[in-house]
């Protein structure tokens, strides 16, 4: 299992804690330090079964500064936007083989192995 994690985010920390309490092996990816690639994000979108726009944190100042209208962008363009601005990535995201879940609320992550 992998988790795209931001240690400054309380929801991300809570999600990681739940994973560790469940004694699941986990690779922690601090995505602000090691941004995901286009292909990694494409795989996450597929595993989540959502449009790429669902990965964007629209409340981030960077998003407002960019003045982007997500409705006008293709999934690939949204993924490129996140690759260029990883702070825009929803967090945390747990990924286990071909399944993924956004950890909001943190308890969502429990569905990956239950």
PDB file of N, CA and C in Angstrom:
ATOM      1  N   UNK A   1       0.832  -1.172   0.000  1.00  0.00           N
ATOM      2  CA  UNK A   1       0.000   0.000   0.000  1.00  0.00           C
ATOM      3  C   UNK A   1       0.879   1.239   0.000  1.00  0.00           C
ATOM      4  N   UNK A   2       0.389   2.298  -0.644  1.00  0.00           N
ATOM      5  CA  UNK A   2       1.075   3.596  -0.661  1.00  0.00           C
ATOM      6  C   UNK A   2       0.109   4.662  -0.177  1.00  0.00           C
ATOM      7  N   UNK A   3       0.673   5.707   0.405  1.00  0.00           N
ATOM      8  CA  UNK A   3      -0.137   6.861   0.778  1.00  0.00           C
ATOM      9  C   UNK A   3       0.578   8.120   0.308  1.00  0.00           C
ATOM     10  N   UNK A   4      -0.155   8.936  -0.440  1.00  0.00           N
ATOM     11  CA  UNK A   4       0.344  10.262  -0.811  1.00  0.00           C
ATOM     12  C   UNK A   4       0.031  11.147   0.385  1.00  0.00           C
ATOM     13  N   UNK A   5       1.071  11.588   1.070  1.00  0.00           N
ATOM     14  CA  UNK A   5       0.963  12.146   2.411  1.00  0.00           C
ATOM     15  C   UNK A   5       1.596  13.530   2.501  1.00  0.00           C
ATOM     16  N   UNK A   6       0.925  14.394   3.257  1.00  0.00           N
ATOM     17  CA  UNK A   6       1.483  15.696   3.608  1.00  0.00           C
ATOM     18  C   UNK A   6       1.519  15.736   5.135  1.00  0.00           C
ATOM     19  N   UNK A   7       2.709  15.668   5.744  1.00  0.00           N
ATOM     20  CA  UNK A   7       2.799  15.608   7.206  1.00  0.00           C
ATOM     21  C   UNK A   7       2.261  16.846   7.912  1.00  0.00           C
ATOM     22  N   UNK A   8       2.062  17.941   7.198  1.00  0.00           N
ATOM     23  CA  UNK A   8       1.499  19.151   7.805  1.00  0.00           C
ATOM     24  C   UNK A   8      -0.023  19.132   7.849  1.00  0.00           C
ATOM     25  N   UNK A   9      -0.635  18.156   7.213  1.00  0.00           N
ATOM     26  CA  UNK A   9      -2.097  18.051   7.122  1.00  0.00           C
ATOM     27  C   UNK A   9      -2.623  17.099   8.196  1.00  0.00           C
ATOM     28  N   UNK A  10      -3.539  17.576   9.022  1.00  0.00           N
ATOM     29  CA  UNK A  10      -4.064  16.744  10.106  1.00  0.00           C
ATOM     30  C   UNK A  10      -4.806  15.519   9.573  1.00  0.00           C
ATOM     31  N   UNK A  11      -5.562  15.659   8.502  1.00  0.00           N
ATOM     32  CA  UNK A  11      -6.285  14.512   7.932  1.00  0.00           C
ATOM     33  C   UNK A  11      -5.315  13.473   7.395  1.00  0.00           C
ATOM     34  N   UNK A  12      -4.244  13.934   6.815  1.00  0.00           N
ATOM     35  CA  UNK A  12      -3.228  13.026   6.300  1.00  0.00           C
ATOM     36  C   UNK A  12      -2.547  12.276   7.450  1.00  0.00           C
ATOM     37  N   UNK A  13      -2.223  12.990   8.512  1.00  0.00           N
ATOM     38  CA  UNK A  13      -1.602  12.345   9.678  1.00  0.00           C
ATOM     39  C   UNK A  13      -2.562  11.334  10.308  1.00  0.00           C
ATOM     40  N   UNK A  14      -3.838  11.692  10.403  1.00  0.00           N
ATOM     41  CA  UNK A  14      -4.826  10.770  10.984  1.00  0.00           C
ATOM     42  C   UNK A  14      -4.976   9.515  10.124  1.00  0.00           C
ATOM     43  N   UNK A  15      -4.973   9.693   8.835  1.00  0.00           N
ATOM     44  CA  UNK A  15      -5.102   8.555   7.924  1.00  0.00           C
ATOM     45  C   UNK A  15      -3.897   7.633   8.054  1.00  0.00           C
ATOM     46  N   UNK A  16      -2.712   8.201   8.072  1.00  0.00           N
ATOM     47  CA  UNK A  16      -1.503   7.396   8.230  1.00  0.00           C
ATOM     48  C   UNK A  16      -1.531   6.653   9.564  1.00  0.00           C
ATOM     49  N   UNK A  17      -2.003   7.292  10.615  1.00  0.00           N
ATOM     50  CA  UNK A  17      -2.105   6.651  11.924  1.00  0.00           C
ATOM     51  C   UNK A  17      -3.039   5.439  11.866  1.00  0.00           C
ATOM     52  N   UNK A  18      -4.167   5.577  11.183  1.00  0.00           N
ATOM     53  CA  UNK A  18      -5.103   4.450  11.040  1.00  0.00           C
ATOM     54  C   UNK A  18      -4.455   3.281  10.306  1.00  0.00           C
ATOM     55  N   UNK A  19      -3.697   3.584   9.276  1.00  0.00           N
ATOM     56  CA  UNK A  19      -3.007   2.539   8.516  1.00  0.00           C
ATOM     57  C   UNK A  19      -2.009   1.820   9.419  1.00  0.00           C
ATOM     58  N   UNK A  20      -1.272   2.577  10.189  1.00  0.00           N
ATOM     59  CA  UNK A  20      -0.257   1.980  11.057  1.00  0.00           C
ATOM     60  C   UNK A  20      -0.902   1.180  12.193  1.00  0.00           C
ATOM     61  N   UNK A  21      -1.999   1.682  12.751  1.00  0.00           N
ATOM     62  CA  UNK A  21      -2.709   0.947  13.800  1.00  0.00           C
ATOM     63  C   UNK A  21      -3.255  -0.374  13.281  1.00  0.00           C
ATOM     64  N   UNK A  22      -3.611  -0.414  12.000  1.00  0.00           N
ATOM     65  CA  UNK A  22      -4.108  -1.639  11.378  1.00  0.00           C
ATOM     66  C   UNK A  22      -2.965  -2.555  10.948  1.00  0.00           C
ATOM     67  N   UNK A  23      -1.746  -2.129  11.221  1.00  0.00           N
ATOM     68  CA  UNK A  23      -0.533  -2.909  10.907  1.00  0.00           C
ATOM     69  C   UNK A  23      -0.419  -3.251   9.420  1.00  0.00           C
ATOM     70  N   UNK A  24      -0.799  -2.300   8.600  1.00  0.00           N
ATOM     71  CA  UNK A  24      -0.663  -2.455   7.158  1.00  0.00           C
ATOM     72  C   UNK A  24       0.725  -1.951   6.737  1.00  0.00           C
ATOM     73  N   UNK A  25       1.353  -2.681   5.849  1.00  0.00           N
ATOM     74  CA  UNK A  25       2.613  -2.196   5.291  1.00  0.00           C
ATOM     75  C   UNK A  25       2.288  -1.021   4.394  1.00  0.00           C
ATOM     76  N   UNK A  26       3.060   0.054   4.544  1.00  0.00           N
ATOM     77  CA  UNK A  26       2.740   1.255   3.782  1.00  0.00           C
ATOM     78  C   UNK A  26       4.019   1.956   3.341  1.00  0.00           C
ATOM     79  N   UNK A  27       3.994   2.409   2.103  1.00  0.00           N
ATOM     80  CA  UNK A  27       5.047   3.277   1.575  1.00  0.00           C
ATOM     81  C   UNK A  27       4.497   4.697   1.645  1.00  0.00           C
ATOM     82  N   UNK A  28       5.157   5.540   2.415  1.00  0.00           N
ATOM     83  CA  UNK A  28       4.715   6.917   2.582  1.00  0.00           C
ATOM     84  C   UNK A  28       5.401   7.778   1.524  1.00  0.00           C
ATOM     85  N   UNK A  29       4.602   8.424   0.717  1.00  0.00           N
ATOM     86  CA  UNK A  29       5.124   9.310  -0.330  1.00  0.00           C
ATOM     87  C   UNK A  29       4.779  10.738   0.068  1.00  0.00           C
ATOM     88  N   UNK A  30       5.774  11.473   0.518  1.00  0.00           N
ATOM     89  CA  UNK A  30       5.555  12.884   0.827  1.00  0.00           C
ATOM     90  C   UNK A  30       5.585  13.629  -0.501  1.00  0.00           C
ATOM     91  N   UNK A  31       4.409  13.802  -1.071  1.00  0.00           N
ATOM     92  CA  UNK A  31       4.290  14.245  -2.457  1.00  0.00           C
ATOM     93  C   UNK A  31       4.767  15.679  -2.700  1.00  0.00           C
ATOM     94  N   UNK A  32       4.895  16.480  -1.653  1.00  0.00           N
ATOM     95  CA  UNK A  32       5.448  17.821  -1.863  1.00  0.00           C
ATOM     96  C   UNK A  32       6.956  17.754  -2.054  1.00  0.00           C
ATOM     97  N   UNK A  33       7.591  16.737  -1.463  1.00  0.00           N
ATOM     98  CA  UNK A  33       9.034  16.529  -1.613  1.00  0.00           C
ATOM     99  C   UNK A  33       9.347  15.677  -2.842  1.00  0.00           C
ATOM    100  N   UNK A  34       8.477  14.700  -3.110  1.00  0.00           N
ATOM    101  CA  UNK A  34       8.619  13.779  -4.244  1.00  0.00           C
ATOM    102  C   UNK A  34       7.319  13.790  -5.043  1.00  0.00           C
ATOM    103  N   UNK A  35       7.122  14.802  -5.860  1.00  0.00           N
ATOM    104  CA  UNK A  35       5.852  14.911  -6.598  1.00  0.00           C
ATOM    105  C   UNK A  35       5.589  13.693  -7.483  1.00  0.00           C
ATOM    106  N   UNK A  36       4.336  13.298  -7.560  1.00  0.00           N
ATOM    107  CA  UNK A  36       3.985  12.171  -8.432  1.00  0.00           C
ATOM    108  C   UNK A  36       4.150  12.551  -9.897  1.00  0.00           C
ATOM    109  N   UNK A  37       4.389  11.545 -10.693  1.00  0.00           N
ATOM    110  CA  UNK A  37       4.511  11.747 -12.133  1.00  0.00           C
ATOM    111  C   UNK A  37       3.121  11.782 -12.766  1.00  0.00           C
ATOM    112  N   UNK A  38       3.103  12.189 -14.001  1.00  0.00           N
ATOM    113  CA  UNK A  38       1.851  12.185 -14.759  1.00  0.00           C
ATOM    114  C   UNK A  38       1.237  10.785 -14.741  1.00  0.00           C
ATOM    115  N   UNK A  39       2.060   9.771 -15.012  1.00  0.00           N
ATOM    116  CA  UNK A  39       1.548   8.399 -15.094  1.00  0.00           C
ATOM    117  C   UNK A  39       1.041   7.912 -13.745  1.00  0.00           C
ATOM    118  N   UNK A  40       1.731   8.259 -12.660  1.00  0.00           N
ATOM    119  CA  UNK A  40       1.245   7.873 -11.328  1.00  0.00           C
ATOM    120  C   UNK A  40      -0.130   8.470 -11.063  1.00  0.00           C
ATOM    121  N   UNK A  41      -0.282   9.749 -11.390  1.00  0.00           N
ATOM    122  CA  UNK A  41      -1.585  10.395 -11.172  1.00  0.00           C
ATOM    123  C   UNK A  41      -2.658   9.839 -12.093  1.00  0.00           C
ATOM    124  N   UNK A  42      -2.297   9.508 -13.297  1.00  0.00           N
ATOM    125  CA  UNK A  42      -3.257   8.886 -14.226  1.00  0.00           C
ATOM    126  C   UNK A  42      -3.754   7.578 -13.615  1.00  0.00           C
ATOM    127  N   UNK A  43      -2.857   6.786 -13.040  1.00  0.00           N
ATOM    128  CA  UNK A  43      -3.223   5.520 -12.397  1.00  0.00           C
ATOM    129  C   UNK A  43      -4.124   5.755 -11.182  1.00  0.00           C
ATOM    130  N   UNK A  44      -3.828   6.797 -10.410  1.00  0.00           N
ATOM    131  CA  UNK A  44      -4.654   7.128  -9.238  1.00  0.00           C
ATOM    132  C   UNK A  44      -6.060   7.505  -9.683  1.00  0.00           C
ATOM    133  N   UNK A  45      -6.173   8.322 -10.709  1.00  0.00           N
ATOM    134  CA  UNK A  45      -7.492   8.721 -11.225  1.00  0.00           C
ATOM    135  C   UNK A  45      -8.279   7.482 -11.654  1.00  0.00           C
ATOM    136  N   UNK A  46      -7.620   6.584 -12.355  1.00  0.00           N
ATOM    137  CA  UNK A  46      -8.281   5.352 -12.800  1.00  0.00           C
ATOM    138  C   UNK A  46      -8.728   4.511 -11.608  1.00  0.00           C
ATOM    139  N   UNK A  47      -7.846   4.365 -10.613  1.00  0.00           N
ATOM    140  CA  UNK A  47      -8.173   3.554  -9.434  1.00  0.00           C
ATOM    141  C   UNK A  47      -9.296   4.180  -8.610  1.00  0.00           C
ATOM    142  N   UNK A  48      -9.334   5.495  -8.555  1.00  0.00           N
ATOM    143  CA  UNK A  48     -10.401   6.179  -7.826  1.00  0.00           C
ATOM    144  C   UNK A  48     -11.730   6.133  -8.574  1.00  0.00           C
ATOM    145  N   UNK A  49     -11.646   6.048  -9.897  1.00  0.00           N
ATOM    146  CA  UNK A  49     -12.855   6.047 -10.719  1.00  0.00           C
ATOM    147  C   UNK A  49     -13.536   7.406 -10.754  1.00  0.00           C
ATOM    148  N   UNK A  50     -12.729   8.469 -10.729  1.00  0.00           N
ATOM    149  CA  UNK A  50     -13.275   9.831 -10.747  1.00  0.00           C
ATOM    150  C   UNK A  50     -12.625  10.621 -11.876  1.00  0.00           C
ATOM    151  N   UNK A  51     -13.184  11.788 -12.150  1.00  0.00           N
ATOM    152  CA  UNK A  51     -12.536  12.713 -13.075  1.00  0.00           C
ATOM    153  C   UNK A  51     -11.303  13.289 -12.369  1.00  0.00           C
ATOM    154  N   UNK A  52     -10.304  13.627 -13.123  1.00  0.00           N
ATOM    155  CA  UNK A  52      -9.072  14.183 -12.544  1.00  0.00           C
ATOM    156  C   UNK A  52      -9.338  15.447 -11.740  1.00  0.00           C
ATOM    157  N   UNK A  53     -10.360  16.184 -12.103  1.00  0.00           N
ATOM    158  CA  UNK A  53     -10.679  17.414 -11.365  1.00  0.00           C
ATOM    159  C   UNK A  53     -10.999  17.125  -9.899  1.00  0.00           C
ATOM    160  N   UNK A  54     -11.403  15.896  -9.586  1.00  0.00           N
ATOM    161  CA  UNK A  54     -11.679  15.504  -8.216  1.00  0.00           C
ATOM    162  C   UNK A  54     -10.435  15.409  -7.354  1.00  0.00           C
ATOM    163  N   UNK A  55      -9.266  15.464  -7.975  1.00  0.00           N
ATOM    164  CA  UNK A  55      -8.000  15.432  -7.239  1.00  0.00           C
ATOM    165  C   UNK A  55      -7.511  16.820  -6.848  1.00  0.00           C
ATOM    166  N   UNK A  56      -8.184  17.851  -7.313  1.00  0.00           N
ATOM    167  CA  UNK A  56      -7.684  19.216  -7.128  1.00  0.00           C
ATOM    168  C   UNK A  56      -8.250  19.850  -5.862  1.00  0.00           C
ATOM    169  N   UNK A  57      -7.336  20.395  -5.067  1.00  0.00           N
ATOM    170  CA  UNK A  57      -7.723  21.176  -3.883  1.00  0.00           C
ATOM    171  C   UNK A  57      -7.965  22.612  -4.342  1.00  0.00           C
ATOM    172  N   UNK A  58      -9.215  22.914  -4.601  1.00  0.00           N
ATOM    173  CA  UNK A  58      -9.553  24.239  -5.119  1.00  0.00           C
ATOM    174  C   UNK A  58      -9.463  25.329  -4.059  1.00  0.00           C
ATOM    175  N   UNK A  59      -9.315  24.949  -2.806  1.00  0.00           N
ATOM    176  CA  UNK A  59      -9.204  25.941  -1.734  1.00  0.00           C
ATOM    177  C   UNK A  59      -7.785  26.486  -1.570  1.00  0.00           C
ATOM    178  N   UNK A  60      -6.830  25.902  -2.264  1.00  0.00           N
ATOM    179  CA  UNK A  60      -5.438  26.363  -2.168  1.00  0.00           C
ATOM    180  C   UNK A  60      -5.268  27.727  -2.837  1.00  0.00           C
ATOM    181  N   UNK A  61      -4.464  28.579  -2.227  1.00  0.00           N
ATOM    182  CA  UNK A  61      -4.179  29.909  -2.779  1.00  0.00           C
ATOM    183  C   UNK A  61      -3.605  29.804  -4.192  1.00  0.00           C
ATOM    184  N   UNK A  62      -2.761  28.811  -4.423  1.00  0.00           N
ATOM    185  CA  UNK A  62      -2.158  28.618  -5.749  1.00  0.00           C
ATOM    186  C   UNK A  62      -3.243  28.420  -6.800  1.00  0.00           C
ATOM    187  N   UNK A  63      -4.281  27.670  -6.453  1.00  0.00           N
ATOM    188  CA  UNK A  63      -5.361  27.434  -7.407  1.00  0.00           C
ATOM    189  C   UNK A  63      -6.032  28.747  -7.782  1.00  0.00           C
ATOM    190  N   UNK A  64      -6.329  29.559  -6.768  1.00  0.00           N
ATOM    191  CA  UNK A  64      -6.970  30.860  -7.039  1.00  0.00           C
ATOM    192  C   UNK A  64      -6.048  31.757  -7.862  1.00  0.00           C
ATOM    193  N   UNK A  65      -4.758  31.746  -7.559  1.00  0.00           N
ATOM    194  CA  UNK A  65      -3.794  32.575  -8.293  1.00  0.00           C
ATOM    195  C   UNK A  65      -3.702  32.171  -9.755  1.00  0.00           C
ATOM    196  N   UNK A  66      -3.826  30.877 -10.020  1.00  0.00           N
ATOM    197  CA  UNK A  66      -3.737  30.400 -11.401  1.00  0.00           C
ATOM    198  C   UNK A  66      -4.970  30.771 -12.218  1.00  0.00           C
ATOM    199  N   UNK A  67      -6.098  30.980 -11.546  1.00  0.00           N
ATOM    200  CA  UNK A  67      -7.319  31.363 -12.243  1.00  0.00           C
ATOM    201  C   UNK A  67      -7.812  30.321 -13.226  1.00  0.00           C
ATOM    202  N   UNK A  68      -7.647  29.067 -12.874  1.00  0.00           N
ATOM    203  CA  UNK A  68      -8.008  27.958 -13.762  1.00  0.00           C
ATOM    204  C   UNK A  68      -9.492  27.624 -13.636  1.00  0.00           C
ATOM    205  N   UNK A  69     -10.110  27.326 -14.760  1.00  0.00           N
ATOM    206  CA  UNK A  69     -11.484  26.829 -14.773  1.00  0.00           C
ATOM    207  C   UNK A  69     -11.406  25.334 -15.077  1.00  0.00           C
ATOM    208  N   UNK A  70     -11.543  24.509 -14.045  1.00  0.00           N
ATOM    209  CA  UNK A  70     -11.402  23.063 -14.215  1.00  0.00           C
ATOM    210  C   UNK A  70     -12.380  22.497 -15.230  1.00  0.00           C
ATOM    211  N   UNK A  71     -13.540  23.105 -15.349  1.00  0.00           N
ATOM    212  CA  UNK A  71     -14.563  22.603 -16.274  1.00  0.00           C
ATOM    213  C   UNK A  71     -14.102  22.659 -17.731  1.00  0.00           C
ATOM    214  N   UNK A  72     -13.123  23.497 -18.014  1.00  0.00           N
ATOM    215  CA  UNK A  72     -12.647  23.640 -19.396  1.00  0.00           C
ATOM    216  C   UNK A  72     -11.436  22.757 -19.699  1.00  0.00           C
ATOM    217  N   UNK A  73     -10.934  22.035 -18.690  1.00  0.00           N
ATOM    218  CA  UNK A  73      -9.715  21.245 -18.865  1.00  0.00           C
ATOM    219  C   UNK A  73     -10.014  19.759 -19.026  1.00  0.00           C
ATOM    220  N   UNK A  74      -9.246  19.105 -19.859  1.00  0.00           N
ATOM    221  CA  UNK A  74      -9.320  17.653 -19.990  1.00  0.00           C
ATOM    222  C   UNK A  74      -8.676  17.023 -18.755  1.00  0.00           C
ATOM    223  N   UNK A  75      -8.911  15.742 -18.546  1.00  0.00           N
ATOM    224  CA  UNK A  75      -8.258  15.039 -17.437  1.00  0.00           C
ATOM    225  C   UNK A  75      -6.741  15.160 -17.536  1.00  0.00           C
ATOM    226  N   UNK A  76      -6.205  15.005 -18.742  1.00  0.00           N
ATOM    227  CA  UNK A  76      -4.751  15.107 -18.904  1.00  0.00           C
ATOM    228  C   UNK A  76      -4.239  16.494 -18.526  1.00  0.00           C
ATOM    229  N   UNK A  77      -4.982  17.533 -18.885  1.00  0.00           N
ATOM    230  CA  UNK A  77      -4.567  18.897 -18.548  1.00  0.00           C
ATOM    231  C   UNK A  77      -4.628  19.126 -17.037  1.00  0.00           C
ATOM    232  N   UNK A  78      -5.627  18.557 -16.374  1.00  0.00           N
ATOM    233  CA  UNK A  78      -5.729  18.676 -14.917  1.00  0.00           C
ATOM    234  C   UNK A  78      -4.560  17.956 -14.255  1.00  0.00           C
ATOM    235  N   UNK A  79      -4.233  16.779 -14.750  1.00  0.00           N
ATOM    236  CA  UNK A  79      -3.102  16.033 -14.190  1.00  0.00           C
ATOM    237  C   UNK A  79      -1.812  16.815 -14.373  1.00  0.00           C
ATOM    238  N   UNK A  80      -1.615  17.409 -15.531  1.00  0.00           N
ATOM    239  CA  UNK A  80      -0.422  18.240 -15.770  1.00  0.00           C
ATOM    240  C   UNK A  80      -0.390  19.424 -14.799  1.00  0.00           C
ATOM    241  N   UNK A  81      -1.544  19.996 -14.511  1.00  0.00           N
ATOM    242  CA  UNK A  81      -1.634  21.097 -13.560  1.00  0.00           C
ATOM    243  C   UNK A  81      -1.155  20.652 -12.174  1.00  0.00           C
ATOM    244  N   UNK A  82      -1.570  19.464 -11.755  1.00  0.00           N
ATOM    245  CA  UNK A  82      -1.153  18.942 -10.449  1.00  0.00           C
ATOM    246  C   UNK A  82       0.331  18.593 -10.449  1.00  0.00           C
ATOM    247  N   UNK A  83       0.817  18.018 -11.525  1.00  0.00           N
ATOM    248  CA  UNK A  83       2.245  17.691 -11.619  1.00  0.00           C
ATOM    249  C   UNK A  83       3.078  18.965 -11.463  1.00  0.00           C
ATOM    250  N   UNK A  84       2.633  20.048 -12.081  1.00  0.00           N
ATOM    251  CA  UNK A  84       3.355  21.322 -12.006  1.00  0.00           C
ATOM    252  C   UNK A  84       3.163  22.022 -10.663  1.00  0.00           C
ATOM    253  N   UNK A  85       2.069  21.691  -9.965  1.00  0.00           N
ATOM    254  CA  UNK A  85       1.729  22.345  -8.686  1.00  0.00           C
ATOM    255  C   UNK A  85       1.248  21.275  -7.705  1.00  0.00           C
ATOM    256  N   UNK A  86       2.140  20.451  -7.172  1.00  0.00           N
ATOM    257  CA  UNK A  86       1.703  19.321  -6.345  1.00  0.00           C
ATOM    258  C   UNK A  86       0.910  19.711  -5.102  1.00  0.00           C
ATOM    259  N   UNK A  87       1.007  20.944  -4.652  1.00  0.00           N
ATOM    260  CA  UNK A  87       0.212  21.389  -3.502  1.00  0.00           C
ATOM    261  C   UNK A  87      -1.286  21.273  -3.795  1.00  0.00           C
ATOM    262  N   UNK A  88      -1.652  21.208  -5.064  1.00  0.00           N
ATOM    263  CA  UNK A  88      -3.056  21.113  -5.453  1.00  0.00           C
ATOM    264  C   UNK A  88      -3.639  19.707  -5.294  1.00  0.00           C
ATOM    265  N   UNK A  89      -2.798  18.722  -5.028  1.00  0.00           N
ATOM    266  CA  UNK A  89      -3.265  17.342  -4.923  1.00  0.00           C
ATOM    267  C   UNK A  89      -4.077  17.133  -3.643  1.00  0.00           C
ATOM    268  N   UNK A  90      -5.270  16.560  -3.792  1.00  0.00           N
ATOM    269  CA  UNK A  90      -6.056  16.169  -2.624  1.00  0.00           C
ATOM    270  C   UNK A  90      -5.200  15.280  -1.745  1.00  0.00           C
ATOM    271  N   UNK A  91      -5.420  15.360  -0.445  1.00  0.00           N
ATOM    272  CA  UNK A  91      -4.650  14.534   0.467  1.00  0.00           C
ATOM    273  C   UNK A  91      -5.510  14.103   1.625  1.00  0.00           C
ATOM    274  N   UNK A  92      -5.157  13.000   2.155  1.00  0.00           N
ATOM    275  CA  UNK A  92      -4.235  11.985   1.661  1.00  0.00           C
ATOM    276  C   UNK A  92      -4.947  11.082   0.652  1.00  0.00           C
ATOM    277  N   UNK A  93      -4.162  10.379  -0.126  1.00  0.00           N
ATOM    278  CA  UNK A  93      -4.706   9.373  -1.041  1.00  0.00           C
ATOM    279  C   UNK A  93      -4.004   8.066  -0.732  1.00  0.00           C
ATOM    280  N   UNK A  94      -4.807   7.057  -0.403  1.00  0.00           N
ATOM    281  CA  UNK A  94      -4.277   5.717  -0.180  1.00  0.00           C
ATOM    282  C   UNK A  94      -4.469   4.901  -1.446  1.00  0.00           C
ATOM    283  N   UNK A  95      -3.433   4.128  -1.808  1.00  0.00           N
ATOM    284  CA  UNK A  95      -3.485   3.308  -3.016  1.00  0.00           C
ATOM    285  C   UNK A  95      -3.023   1.899  -2.659  1.00  0.00           C
ATOM    286  N   UNK A  96      -3.821   0.928  -3.023  1.00  0.00           N
ATOM    287  CA  UNK A  96      -3.471  -0.474  -2.801  1.00  0.00           C
ATOM    288  C   UNK A  96      -3.794  -1.237  -4.076  1.00  0.00           C
ATOM    289  N   UNK A  97      -2.773  -1.656  -4.779  1.00  0.00           N
ATOM    290  CA  UNK A  97      -2.857  -2.292  -6.094  1.00  0.00           C
ATOM    291  C   UNK A  97      -3.742  -1.474  -7.020  1.00  0.00           C
ATOM    292  N   UNK A  98      -4.922  -1.961  -7.378  1.00  0.00           N
ATOM    293  CA  UNK A  98      -5.753  -1.233  -8.341  1.00  0.00           C
ATOM    294  C   UNK A  98      -6.879  -0.444  -7.671  1.00  0.00           C
ATOM    295  N   UNK A  99      -6.822  -0.306  -6.342  1.00  0.00           N
ATOM    296  CA  UNK A  99      -7.833   0.453  -5.609  1.00  0.00           C
ATOM    297  C   UNK A  99      -7.185   1.698  -5.006  1.00  0.00           C
ATOM    298  N   UNK A 100      -7.973   2.754  -4.892  1.00  0.00           N
ATOM    299  CA  UNK A 100      -7.479   3.979  -4.266  1.00  0.00           C
ATOM    300  C   UNK A 100      -8.643   4.651  -3.551  1.00  0.00           C
ATOM    301  N   UNK A 101      -8.299   5.481  -2.586  1.00  0.00           N
ATOM    302  CA  UNK A 101      -9.322   6.205  -1.842  1.00  0.00           C
ATOM    303  C   UNK A 101      -8.741   7.506  -1.317  1.00  0.00           C
ATOM    304  N   UNK A 102      -9.552   8.536  -1.305  1.00  0.00           N
ATOM    305  CA  UNK A 102      -9.150   9.810  -0.706  1.00  0.00           C
ATOM    306  C   UNK A 102      -9.530   9.721   0.774  1.00  0.00           C
ATOM    307  N   UNK A 103      -8.573   9.992   1.639  1.00  0.00           N
ATOM    308  CA  UNK A 103      -8.761   9.853   3.077  1.00  0.00           C
ATOM    309  C   UNK A 103      -9.449  11.037   3.723  1.00  0.00           C
ATOM    310  N   UNK A 104     -10.583  11.412   3.220  1.00  0.00           N
ATOM    311  CA  UNK A 104     -11.406  12.461   3.824  1.00  0.00           C
ATOM    312  C   UNK A 104     -12.837  11.944   3.868  1.00  0.00           C
ATOM    313  N   UNK A 105     -13.275  11.484   5.005  1.00  0.00           N
ATOM    314  CA  UNK A 105     -12.598  11.444   6.294  1.00  0.00           C
ATOM    315  C   UNK A 105     -11.541  10.337   6.327  1.00  0.00           C
ATOM    316  N   UNK A 106     -10.633  10.405   7.294  1.00  0.00           N
ATOM    317  CA  UNK A 106      -9.547   9.429   7.366  1.00  0.00           C
ATOM    318  C   UNK A 106     -10.015   7.977   7.367  1.00  0.00           C
ATOM    319  N   UNK A 107     -11.155   7.701   7.955  1.00  0.00           N
ATOM    320  CA  UNK A 107     -11.675   6.336   8.040  1.00  0.00           C
ATOM    321  C   UNK A 107     -11.945   5.712   6.674  1.00  0.00           C
ATOM    322  N   UNK A 108     -12.047   6.528   5.648  1.00  0.00           N
ATOM    323  CA  UNK A 108     -12.237   5.993   4.288  1.00  0.00           C
ATOM    324  C   UNK A 108     -11.159   4.982   3.928  1.00  0.00           C
ATOM    325  N   UNK A 109      -9.954   5.201   4.420  1.00  0.00           N
ATOM    326  CA  UNK A 109      -8.828   4.350   4.056  1.00  0.00           C
ATOM    327  C   UNK A 109      -9.044   2.895   4.495  1.00  0.00           C
ATOM    328  N   UNK A 110      -9.847   2.681   5.515  1.00  0.00           N
ATOM    329  CA  UNK A 110     -10.100   1.331   6.007  1.00  0.00           C
ATOM    330  C   UNK A 110     -10.741   0.444   4.939  1.00  0.00           C
ATOM    331  N   UNK A 111     -11.419   1.059   3.989  1.00  0.00           N
ATOM    332  CA  UNK A 111     -12.078   0.287   2.919  1.00  0.00           C
ATOM    333  C   UNK A 111     -11.093  -0.335   1.946  1.00  0.00           C
ATOM    334  N   UNK A 112      -9.845   0.095   1.980  1.00  0.00           N
ATOM    335  CA  UNK A 112      -8.852  -0.474   1.055  1.00  0.00           C
ATOM    336  C   UNK A 112      -8.527  -1.918   1.369  1.00  0.00           C
ATOM    337  N   UNK A 113      -8.627  -2.314   2.609  1.00  0.00           N
ATOM    338  CA  UNK A 113      -8.288  -3.698   2.955  1.00  0.00           C
ATOM    339  C   UNK A 113      -9.401  -4.435   3.668  1.00  0.00           C
ATOM    340  N   UNK A 114     -10.574  -3.847   3.743  1.00  0.00           N
ATOM    341  CA  UNK A 114     -11.681  -4.550   4.422  1.00  0.00           C
ATOM    342  C   UNK A 114     -12.613  -5.182   3.403  1.00  0.00           C
TER     343      UNK A 114
END
